[in-house]
Amino acid sequence: MDDSGKQKLLLDGHKERHFTAGEIVRDIIIGVSDGLTVPFALAAGLSGTNASSSIILTAGIAEVAAGAISMGLGGYLAAKSEADHYMRELKREQEEIITVPDIEAAEIGEILAQYGLEPNEYAPVVNALRRRPQAWLDFMMKFELGLEKPDPRRAVQSAFTIALAYVLGGLVPLIPYMLLARAAEALIASVVLTLVALLIFGYGKGRFTGNRPLRSALQTALIGALASAAAFAMAKAVQAIPY
């Protein structure tokens, strides 16, 4: 068996378990974290004005709808801008390979030298890439500019994921206002339910991102609690102002 056959056999028998859905998880984290904290803070703030549960629920649902659209649109524009930036740099790099190939080839050597390769070691690699324009272009985009080719569906997926995650997170603190007529009782239930959801979400986030889950859970819950407390205190302060 030749070397290429042995290499293929080794790779076929080795399955690496890497987490590759980082962008989706990032979108979910953005959507759920905002969805849990913003409507929670809004509902807590309105509860501080002695508003009824129905009014708080109406305002909360309106905020969730508007927030989901806004967050989804933001995710779409961010992903679209990233794709546009990649295409601009791709076109510029392609022109440089055509117009100044020697300089671009020297840049390959400079990149490989950073990994400890000597000129006599990376020269065959440089020559091989010069014979393969597309591979040369891909190499420069990744290793010179640090840009990965974005998924063409990324913008729509990001918008949908963030918006859906925001809705799911935003409905959690509003559930008590759907079930309890008295806003004071609904507020207490909303606080408990949302803090539990923040703890669970923070723990899961820590597991996915490689951070300490317990610390992530407490940190996420603390941020949500501070946001709602600030909104509640502000509503009470405004209510106390004589008109």
C-alpha atoms as a PDB file:
ATOM      1  CA  MET A   1       0.000   0.000   0.000  1.00  0.00           C
ATOM      2  CA  ASP A   2       1.397   3.391  -0.992  1.00  0.00           C
ATOM      3  CA  ASP A   3       1.567   6.453   1.286  1.00  0.00           C
ATOM      4  CA  SER A   4      -1.648   7.995  -0.064  1.00  0.00           C
ATOM      5  CA  GLY A   5      -3.515   4.747   0.590  1.00  0.00           C
ATOM      6  CA  LYS A   6      -2.203   4.559   4.138  1.00  0.00           C
ATOM      7  CA  GLN A   7      -3.150   8.180   4.727  1.00  0.00           C
ATOM      8  CA  LYS A   8      -6.697   7.592   3.472  1.00  0.00           C
ATOM      9  CA  LEU A   9      -7.026   4.516   5.668  1.00  0.00           C
ATOM     10  CA  LEU A  10      -5.911   6.464   8.722  1.00  0.00           C
ATOM     11  CA  LEU A  11      -8.339   9.308   8.025  1.00  0.00           C
ATOM     12  CA  ASP A  12     -11.264   6.947   7.375  1.00  0.00           C
ATOM     13  CA  GLY A  13     -10.675   5.280  10.718  1.00  0.00           C
ATOM     14  CA  HIS A  14     -10.426   8.556  12.639  1.00  0.00           C
ATOM     15  CA  LYS A  15     -13.537  10.612  13.301  1.00  0.00           C
ATOM     16  CA  GLU A  16     -12.964  13.909  15.079  1.00  0.00           C
ATOM     17  CA  ARG A  17     -15.757  15.281  17.221  1.00  0.00           C
ATOM     18  CA  HIS A  18     -15.611  19.009  16.793  1.00  0.00           C
ATOM     19  CA  PHE A  19     -18.542  21.345  17.323  1.00  0.00           C
ATOM     20  CA  THR A  20     -19.145  23.029  13.944  1.00  0.00           C
ATOM     21  CA  ALA A  21     -22.444  24.868  14.454  1.00  0.00           C
ATOM     22  CA  GLY A  22     -20.892  27.910  16.115  1.00  0.00           C
ATOM     23  CA  GLU A  23     -22.699  30.516  14.020  1.00  0.00           C
ATOM     24  CA  ILE A  24     -26.114  28.985  14.689  1.00  0.00           C
ATOM     25  CA  VAL A  25     -25.414  28.756  18.416  1.00  0.00           C
ATOM     26  CA  ARG A  26     -24.242  32.376  18.400  1.00  0.00           C
ATOM     27  CA  ASP A  27     -27.514  33.465  16.776  1.00  0.00           C
ATOM     28  CA  ILE A  28     -29.546  31.449  19.282  1.00  0.00           C
ATOM     29  CA  ILE A  29     -27.615  32.973  22.184  1.00  0.00           C
ATOM     30  CA  ILE A  30     -28.182  36.497  20.846  1.00  0.00           C
ATOM     31  CA  GLY A  31     -31.889  35.912  20.281  1.00  0.00           C
ATOM     32  CA  VAL A  32     -32.717  34.067  23.494  1.00  0.00           C
ATOM     33  CA  SER A  33     -30.639  36.287  25.788  1.00  0.00           C
ATOM     34  CA  ASP A  34     -32.263  39.456  24.451  1.00  0.00           C
ATOM     35  CA  GLY A  35     -35.666  37.788  24.324  1.00  0.00           C
ATOM     36  CA  LEU A  36     -35.503  36.806  27.973  1.00  0.00           C
ATOM     37  CA  THR A  37     -34.173  40.094  29.321  1.00  0.00           C
ATOM     38  CA  VAL A  38     -35.846  42.843  27.268  1.00  0.00           C
ATOM     39  CA  PRO A  39     -39.531  41.771  27.572  1.00  0.00           C
ATOM     40  CA  PHE A  40     -38.814  40.765  31.175  1.00  0.00           C
ATOM     41  CA  ALA A  41     -37.494  44.241  31.930  1.00  0.00           C
ATOM     42  CA  LEU A  42     -40.417  45.848  30.082  1.00  0.00           C
ATOM     43  CA  ALA A  43     -43.003  43.793  31.969  1.00  0.00           C
ATOM     44  CA  ALA A  44     -41.297  44.512  35.292  1.00  0.00           C
ATOM     45  CA  GLY A  45     -41.166  48.212  34.492  1.00  0.00           C
ATOM     46  CA  LEU A  46     -44.844  48.364  33.565  1.00  0.00           C
ATOM     47  CA  SER A  47     -45.704  46.405  36.717  1.00  0.00           C
ATOM     48  CA  GLY A  48     -44.069  49.199  38.640  1.00  0.00           C
ATOM     49  CA  THR A  49     -46.656  51.608  37.233  1.00  0.00           C
ATOM     50  CA  ASN A  50     -49.535  49.471  38.559  1.00  0.00           C
ATOM     51  CA  ALA A  51     -50.674  48.639  35.034  1.00  0.00           C
ATOM     52  CA  SER A  52     -53.054  45.694  34.595  1.00  0.00           C
ATOM     53  CA  SER A  53     -51.900  42.305  33.375  1.00  0.00           C
ATOM     54  CA  SER A  54     -53.767  42.753  30.093  1.00  0.00           C
ATOM     55  CA  ILE A  55     -51.976  46.023  29.338  1.00  0.00           C
ATOM     56  CA  ILE A  56     -48.604  44.551  30.265  1.00  0.00           C
ATOM     57  CA  LEU A  57     -49.317  41.481  28.127  1.00  0.00           C
ATOM     58  CA  THR A  58     -50.353  43.609  25.142  1.00  0.00           C
ATOM     59  CA  ALA A  59     -47.258  45.787  25.442  1.00  0.00           C
ATOM     60  CA  GLY A  60     -45.062  42.740  25.959  1.00  0.00           C
ATOM     61  CA  ILE A  61     -46.349  40.905  22.887  1.00  0.00           C
ATOM     62  CA  ALA A  62     -45.961  44.064  20.807  1.00  0.00           C
ATOM     63  CA  GLU A  63     -42.381  44.395  22.034  1.00  0.00           C
ATOM     64  CA  VAL A  64     -41.621  40.744  21.272  1.00  0.00           C
ATOM     65  CA  ALA A  65     -42.966  41.138  17.729  1.00  0.00           C
ATOM     66  CA  ALA A  66     -41.066  44.373  17.111  1.00  0.00           C
ATOM     67  CA  GLY A  67     -37.927  43.035  18.775  1.00  0.00           C
ATOM     68  CA  ALA A  68     -37.972  39.832  16.729  1.00  0.00           C
ATOM     69  CA  ILE A  69     -38.274  41.789  13.488  1.00  0.00           C
ATOM     70  CA  SER A  70     -35.556  44.224  14.528  1.00  0.00           C
ATOM     71  CA  MET A  71     -33.171  41.522  15.752  1.00  0.00           C
ATOM     72  CA  GLY A  72     -33.807  39.352  12.702  1.00  0.00           C
ATOM     73  CA  LEU A  73     -33.203  42.268  10.374  1.00  0.00           C
ATOM     74  CA  GLY A  74     -29.999  43.095  12.237  1.00  0.00           C
ATOM     75  CA  GLY A  75     -28.803  39.520  11.868  1.00  0.00           C
ATOM     76  CA  TYR A  76     -29.619  39.547   8.160  1.00  0.00           C
ATOM     77  CA  LEU A  77     -27.798  42.826   7.515  1.00  0.00           C
ATOM     78  CA  ALA A  78     -24.762  41.712   9.531  1.00  0.00           C
ATOM     79  CA  ALA A  79     -24.453  38.428   7.623  1.00  0.00           C
ATOM     80  CA  LYS A  80     -25.094  40.176   4.291  1.00  0.00           C
ATOM     81  CA  SER A  81     -22.402  42.765   5.051  1.00  0.00           C
ATOM     82  CA  GLU A  82     -19.974  39.975   5.920  1.00  0.00           C
ATOM     83  CA  ALA A  83     -20.697  38.234   2.601  1.00  0.00           C
ATOM     84  CA  ASP A  84     -20.330  41.491   0.655  1.00  0.00           C
ATOM     85  CA  HIS A  85     -17.004  42.189   2.365  1.00  0.00           C
ATOM     86  CA  TYR A  86     -15.765  38.716   1.452  1.00  0.00           C
ATOM     87  CA  MET A  87     -16.696  39.176  -2.203  1.00  0.00           C
ATOM     88  CA  ARG A  88     -14.953  42.564  -2.369  1.00  0.00           C
ATOM     89  CA  GLU A  89     -11.765  41.145  -0.900  1.00  0.00           C
ATOM     90  CA  LEU A  90     -12.002  38.080  -3.145  1.00  0.00           C
ATOM     91  CA  LYS A  91     -12.174  40.256  -6.253  1.00  0.00           C
ATOM     92  CA  ARG A  92      -9.267  42.424  -5.044  1.00  0.00           C
ATOM     93  CA  GLU A  93      -7.124  39.378  -4.234  1.00  0.00           C
ATOM     94  CA  GLN A  94      -7.947  37.821  -7.600  1.00  0.00           C
ATOM     95  CA  GLU A  95      -6.799  40.970  -9.403  1.00  0.00           C
ATOM     96  CA  GLU A  96      -3.554  41.037  -7.406  1.00  0.00           C
ATOM     97  CA  ILE A  97      -2.769  37.418  -8.309  1.00  0.00           C
ATOM     98  CA  ILE A  98      -3.153  38.336 -11.985  1.00  0.00           C
ATOM     99  CA  THR A  99      -1.358  41.698 -11.946  1.00  0.00           C
ATOM    100  CA  VAL A 100       1.406  41.096  -9.353  1.00  0.00           C
ATOM    101  CA  PRO A 101       1.835  37.320  -9.132  1.00  0.00           C
ATOM    102  CA  ASP A 102       5.434  37.458  -7.901  1.00  0.00           C
ATOM    103  CA  ILE A 103       4.497  39.639  -4.939  1.00  0.00           C
ATOM    104  CA  GLU A 104       1.570  37.368  -4.079  1.00  0.00           C
ATOM    105  CA  ALA A 105       3.838  34.316  -4.341  1.00  0.00           C
ATOM    106  CA  ALA A 106       6.311  35.996  -1.991  1.00  0.00           C
ATOM    107  CA  GLU A 107       3.442  36.536   0.449  1.00  0.00           C
ATOM    108  CA  ILE A 108       2.760  32.791   0.429  1.00  0.00           C
ATOM    109  CA  GLY A 109       6.347  32.196   1.466  1.00  0.00           C
ATOM    110  CA  GLU A 110       6.064  34.845   4.166  1.00  0.00           C
ATOM    111  CA  ILE A 111       2.931  33.181   5.562  1.00  0.00           C
ATOM    112  CA  LEU A 112       4.499  29.712   5.585  1.00  0.00           C
ATOM    113  CA  ALA A 113       7.686  31.090   7.151  1.00  0.00           C
ATOM    114  CA  GLN A 114       5.564  32.131  10.142  1.00  0.00           C
ATOM    115  CA  TYR A 115       4.987  28.421  10.757  1.00  0.00           C
ATOM    116  CA  GLY A 116       8.727  27.748  10.889  1.00  0.00           C
ATOM    117  CA  LEU A 117       9.230  26.510   7.323  1.00  0.00           C
ATOM    118  CA  GLU A 118      12.506  27.313   5.598  1.00  0.00           C
ATOM    119  CA  PRO A 119      12.621  28.672   1.989  1.00  0.00           C
ATOM    120  CA  ASN A 120      13.727  25.318   0.615  1.00  0.00           C
ATOM    121  CA  GLU A 121      10.789  23.667   2.389  1.00  0.00           C
ATOM    122  CA  TYR A 122       8.012  26.034   1.323  1.00  0.00           C
ATOM    123  CA  ALA A 123       9.276  26.698  -2.225  1.00  0.00           C
ATOM    124  CA  PRO A 124       7.578  23.536  -3.629  1.00  0.00           C
ATOM    125  CA  VAL A 125       4.317  24.585  -1.958  1.00  0.00           C
ATOM    126  CA  VAL A 126       4.537  28.057  -3.495  1.00  0.00           C
ATOM    127  CA  ASN A 127       5.194  26.622  -6.939  1.00  0.00           C
ATOM    128  CA  ALA A 128       2.342  24.116  -6.586  1.00  0.00           C
ATOM    129  CA  LEU A 129      -0.114  26.864  -5.643  1.00  0.00           C
ATOM    130  CA  ARG A 130       1.026  29.049  -8.550  1.00  0.00           C
ATOM    131  CA  ARG A 131       0.011  26.222 -10.878  1.00  0.00           C
ATOM    132  CA  ARG A 132      -3.448  26.107  -9.272  1.00  0.00           C
ATOM    133  CA  PRO A 133      -4.984  29.625  -9.396  1.00  0.00           C
ATOM    134  CA  GLN A 134      -8.180  28.735  -7.513  1.00  0.00           C
ATOM    135  CA  ALA A 135      -6.295  26.982  -4.709  1.00  0.00           C
ATOM    136  CA  TRP A 136      -3.900  29.947  -4.622  1.00  0.00           C
ATOM    137  CA  LEU A 137      -6.811  32.344  -4.268  1.00  0.00           C
ATOM    138  CA  ASP A 138      -8.441  30.244  -1.537  1.00  0.00           C
ATOM    139  CA  PHE A 139      -5.120  30.045   0.329  1.00  0.00           C
ATOM    140  CA  MET A 140      -4.628  33.824   0.270  1.00  0.00           C
ATOM    141  CA  MET A 141      -8.183  34.514   1.400  1.00  0.00           C
ATOM    142  CA  LYS A 142      -7.878  32.177   4.347  1.00  0.00           C
ATOM    143  CA  PHE A 143      -4.294  32.584   5.489  1.00  0.00           C
ATOM    144  CA  GLU A 144      -3.450  36.142   4.426  1.00  0.00           C
ATOM    145  CA  LEU A 145      -6.779  37.849   5.077  1.00  0.00           C
ATOM    146  CA  GLY A 146      -8.233  35.418   7.608  1.00  0.00           C
ATOM    147  CA  LEU A 147     -11.554  35.238   5.759  1.00  0.00           C
ATOM    148  CA  GLU A 148     -13.688  32.132   5.412  1.00  0.00           C
ATOM    149  CA  LYS A 149     -16.124  31.832   2.518  1.00  0.00           C
ATOM    150  CA  PRO A 150     -19.587  32.545   3.970  1.00  0.00           C
ATOM    151  CA  ASP A 151     -22.539  30.282   3.357  1.00  0.00           C
ATOM    152  CA  PRO A 152     -24.783  31.979   0.743  1.00  0.00           C
ATOM    153  CA  ARG A 153     -27.801  31.044   2.881  1.00  0.00           C
ATOM    154  CA  ARG A 154     -26.240  32.490   6.007  1.00  0.00           C
ATOM    155  CA  ALA A 155     -28.084  35.843   5.964  1.00  0.00           C
ATOM    156  CA  VAL A 156     -31.567  34.302   5.794  1.00  0.00           C
ATOM    157  CA  GLN A 157     -30.693  31.580   8.299  1.00  0.00           C
ATOM    158  CA  SER A 158     -29.286  34.136  10.734  1.00  0.00           C
ATOM    159  CA  ALA A 159     -32.365  36.347  10.464  1.00  0.00           C
ATOM    160  CA  PHE A 160     -34.756  33.435  11.001  1.00  0.00           C
ATOM    161  CA  THR A 161     -32.742  31.895  13.865  1.00  0.00           C
ATOM    162  CA  ILE A 162     -32.348  35.143  15.809  1.00  0.00           C
ATOM    163  CA  ALA A 163     -35.989  36.157  15.319  1.00  0.00           C
ATOM    164  CA  LEU A 164     -37.341  32.744  16.360  1.00  0.00           C
ATOM    165  CA  ALA A 165     -35.005  32.562  19.360  1.00  0.00           C
ATOM    166  CA  TYR A 166     -36.098  36.060  20.405  1.00  0.00           C
ATOM    167  CA  VAL A 167     -39.782  35.093  20.241  1.00  0.00           C
ATOM    168  CA  LEU A 168     -39.235  31.895  22.237  1.00  0.00           C
ATOM    169  CA  GLY A 169     -37.217  33.724  24.863  1.00  0.00           C
ATOM    170  CA  GLY A 170     -39.551  36.739  24.946  1.00  0.00           C
ATOM    171  CA  LEU A 171     -42.692  34.716  25.611  1.00  0.00           C
ATOM    172  CA  VAL A 172     -41.272  33.161  28.787  1.00  0.00           C
ATOM    173  CA  PRO A 173     -41.591  36.235  31.060  1.00  0.00           C
ATOM    174  CA  LEU A 174     -45.044  36.986  29.613  1.00  0.00           C
ATOM    175  CA  ILE A 175     -46.601  33.591  30.381  1.00  0.00           C
ATOM    176  CA  PRO A 176     -47.627  34.554  33.961  1.00  0.00           C
ATOM    177  CA  TYR A 177     -49.429  37.646  32.629  1.00  0.00           C
ATOM    178  CA  MET A 178     -51.464  35.340  30.383  1.00  0.00           C
ATOM    179  CA  LEU A 179     -52.568  33.240  33.368  1.00  0.00           C
ATOM    180  CA  LEU A 180     -52.849  35.682  36.277  1.00  0.00           C
ATOM    181  CA  ALA A 181     -55.173  38.698  36.297  1.00  0.00           C
ATOM    182  CA  ARG A 182     -53.342  40.578  39.058  1.00  0.00           C
ATOM    183  CA  ALA A 183     -50.142  42.185  37.794  1.00  0.00           C
ATOM    184  CA  ALA A 184     -48.450  41.996  41.203  1.00  0.00           C
ATOM    185  CA  GLU A 185     -48.872  38.216  41.333  1.00  0.00           C
ATOM    186  CA  ALA A 186     -47.897  37.850  37.679  1.00  0.00           C
ATOM    187  CA  LEU A 187     -44.743  39.877  38.309  1.00  0.00           C
ATOM    188  CA  ILE A 188     -43.575  37.537  41.076  1.00  0.00           C
ATOM    189  CA  ALA A 189     -44.284  34.495  38.916  1.00  0.00           C
ATOM    190  CA  SER A 190     -42.554  36.147  35.961  1.00  0.00           C
ATOM    191  CA  VAL A 191     -39.463  36.873  38.051  1.00  0.00           C
ATOM    192  CA  VAL A 192     -39.226  33.257  39.223  1.00  0.00           C
ATOM    193  CA  LEU A 193     -39.951  31.771  35.794  1.00  0.00           C
ATOM    194  CA  THR A 194     -37.545  34.067  33.970  1.00  0.00           C
ATOM    195  CA  LEU A 195     -34.729  33.568  36.460  1.00  0.00           C
ATOM    196  CA  VAL A 196     -35.123  29.794  36.125  1.00  0.00           C
ATOM    197  CA  ALA A 197     -35.089  30.162  32.330  1.00  0.00           C
ATOM    198  CA  LEU A 198     -32.004  32.389  32.509  1.00  0.00           C
ATOM    199  CA  LEU A 199     -30.217  29.868  34.707  1.00  0.00           C
ATOM    200  CA  ILE A 200     -31.050  27.003  32.345  1.00  0.00           C
ATOM    201  CA  PHE A 201     -30.138  29.059  29.288  1.00  0.00           C
ATOM    202  CA  GLY A 202     -26.896  30.285  30.865  1.00  0.00           C
ATOM    203  CA  TYR A 203     -25.938  26.751  31.826  1.00  0.00           C
ATOM    204  CA  GLY A 204     -26.587  25.488  28.307  1.00  0.00           C
ATOM    205  CA  LYS A 205     -24.691  28.416  26.832  1.00  0.00           C
ATOM    206  CA  GLY A 206     -21.702  27.617  29.017  1.00  0.00           C
ATOM    207  CA  ARG A 207     -21.757  23.987  27.910  1.00  0.00           C
ATOM    208  CA  PHE A 208     -21.828  24.900  24.222  1.00  0.00           C
ATOM    209  CA  THR A 209     -19.246  27.689  24.379  1.00  0.00           C
ATOM    210  CA  GLY A 210     -16.760  25.793  26.532  1.00  0.00           C
ATOM    211  CA  ASN A 211     -17.090  28.071  29.562  1.00  0.00           C
ATOM    212  CA  ARG A 212     -17.859  26.891  33.069  1.00  0.00           C
ATOM    213  CA  PRO A 213     -21.611  26.127  32.923  1.00  0.00           C
ATOM    214  CA  LEU A 214     -22.400  27.076  36.510  1.00  0.00           C
ATOM    215  CA  ARG A 215     -20.604  30.400  36.226  1.00  0.00           C
ATOM    216  CA  SER A 216     -22.309  31.108  32.911  1.00  0.00           C
ATOM    217  CA  ALA A 217     -25.717  30.307  34.442  1.00  0.00           C
ATOM    218  CA  LEU A 218     -25.200  32.651  37.399  1.00  0.00           C
ATOM    219  CA  GLN A 219     -23.775  35.403  35.193  1.00  0.00           C
ATOM    220  CA  THR A 220     -26.699  35.230  32.748  1.00  0.00           C
ATOM    221  CA  ALA A 221     -29.265  35.252  35.571  1.00  0.00           C
ATOM    222  CA  LEU A 222     -27.527  38.187  37.257  1.00  0.00           C
ATOM    223  CA  ILE A 223     -27.566  40.287  34.078  1.00  0.00           C
ATOM    224  CA  GLY A 224     -31.265  39.574  33.567  1.00  0.00           C
ATOM    225  CA  ALA A 225     -32.061  40.393  37.181  1.00  0.00           C
ATOM    226  CA  LEU A 226     -30.166  43.688  37.017  1.00  0.00           C
ATOM    227  CA  ALA A 227     -31.918  44.686  33.789  1.00  0.00           C
ATOM    228  CA  SER A 228     -35.391  44.042  35.209  1.00  0.00           C
ATOM    229  CA  ALA A 229     -34.557  45.705  38.531  1.00  0.00           C
ATOM    230  CA  ALA A 230     -33.331  48.817  36.727  1.00  0.00           C
ATOM    231  CA  ALA A 231     -36.493  48.991  34.606  1.00  0.00           C
ATOM    232  CA  PHE A 232     -38.725  48.461  37.635  1.00  0.00           C
ATOM    233  CA  ALA A 233     -36.906  51.141  39.651  1.00  0.00           C
ATOM    234  CA  MET A 234     -37.081  53.612  36.751  1.00  0.00           C
ATOM    235  CA  ALA A 235     -40.813  53.042  36.348  1.00  0.00           C
ATOM    236  CA  LYS A 236     -41.344  53.634  40.067  1.00  0.00           C
ATOM    237  CA  ALA A 237     -39.230  56.804  39.931  1.00  0.00           C
ATOM    238  CA  VAL A 238     -41.211  58.185  36.990  1.00  0.00           C
ATOM    239  CA  GLN A 239     -44.482  57.320  38.715  1.00  0.00           C
ATOM    240  CA  ALA A 240     -43.397  59.268  41.805  1.00  0.00           C
ATOM    241  CA  ILE A 241     -42.824  62.480  39.829  1.00  0.00           C
ATOM    242  CA  PRO A 242     -45.719  64.918  40.458  1.00  0.00           C
ATOM    243  CA  TYR A 243     -47.430  66.226  37.330  1.00  0.00           C
END
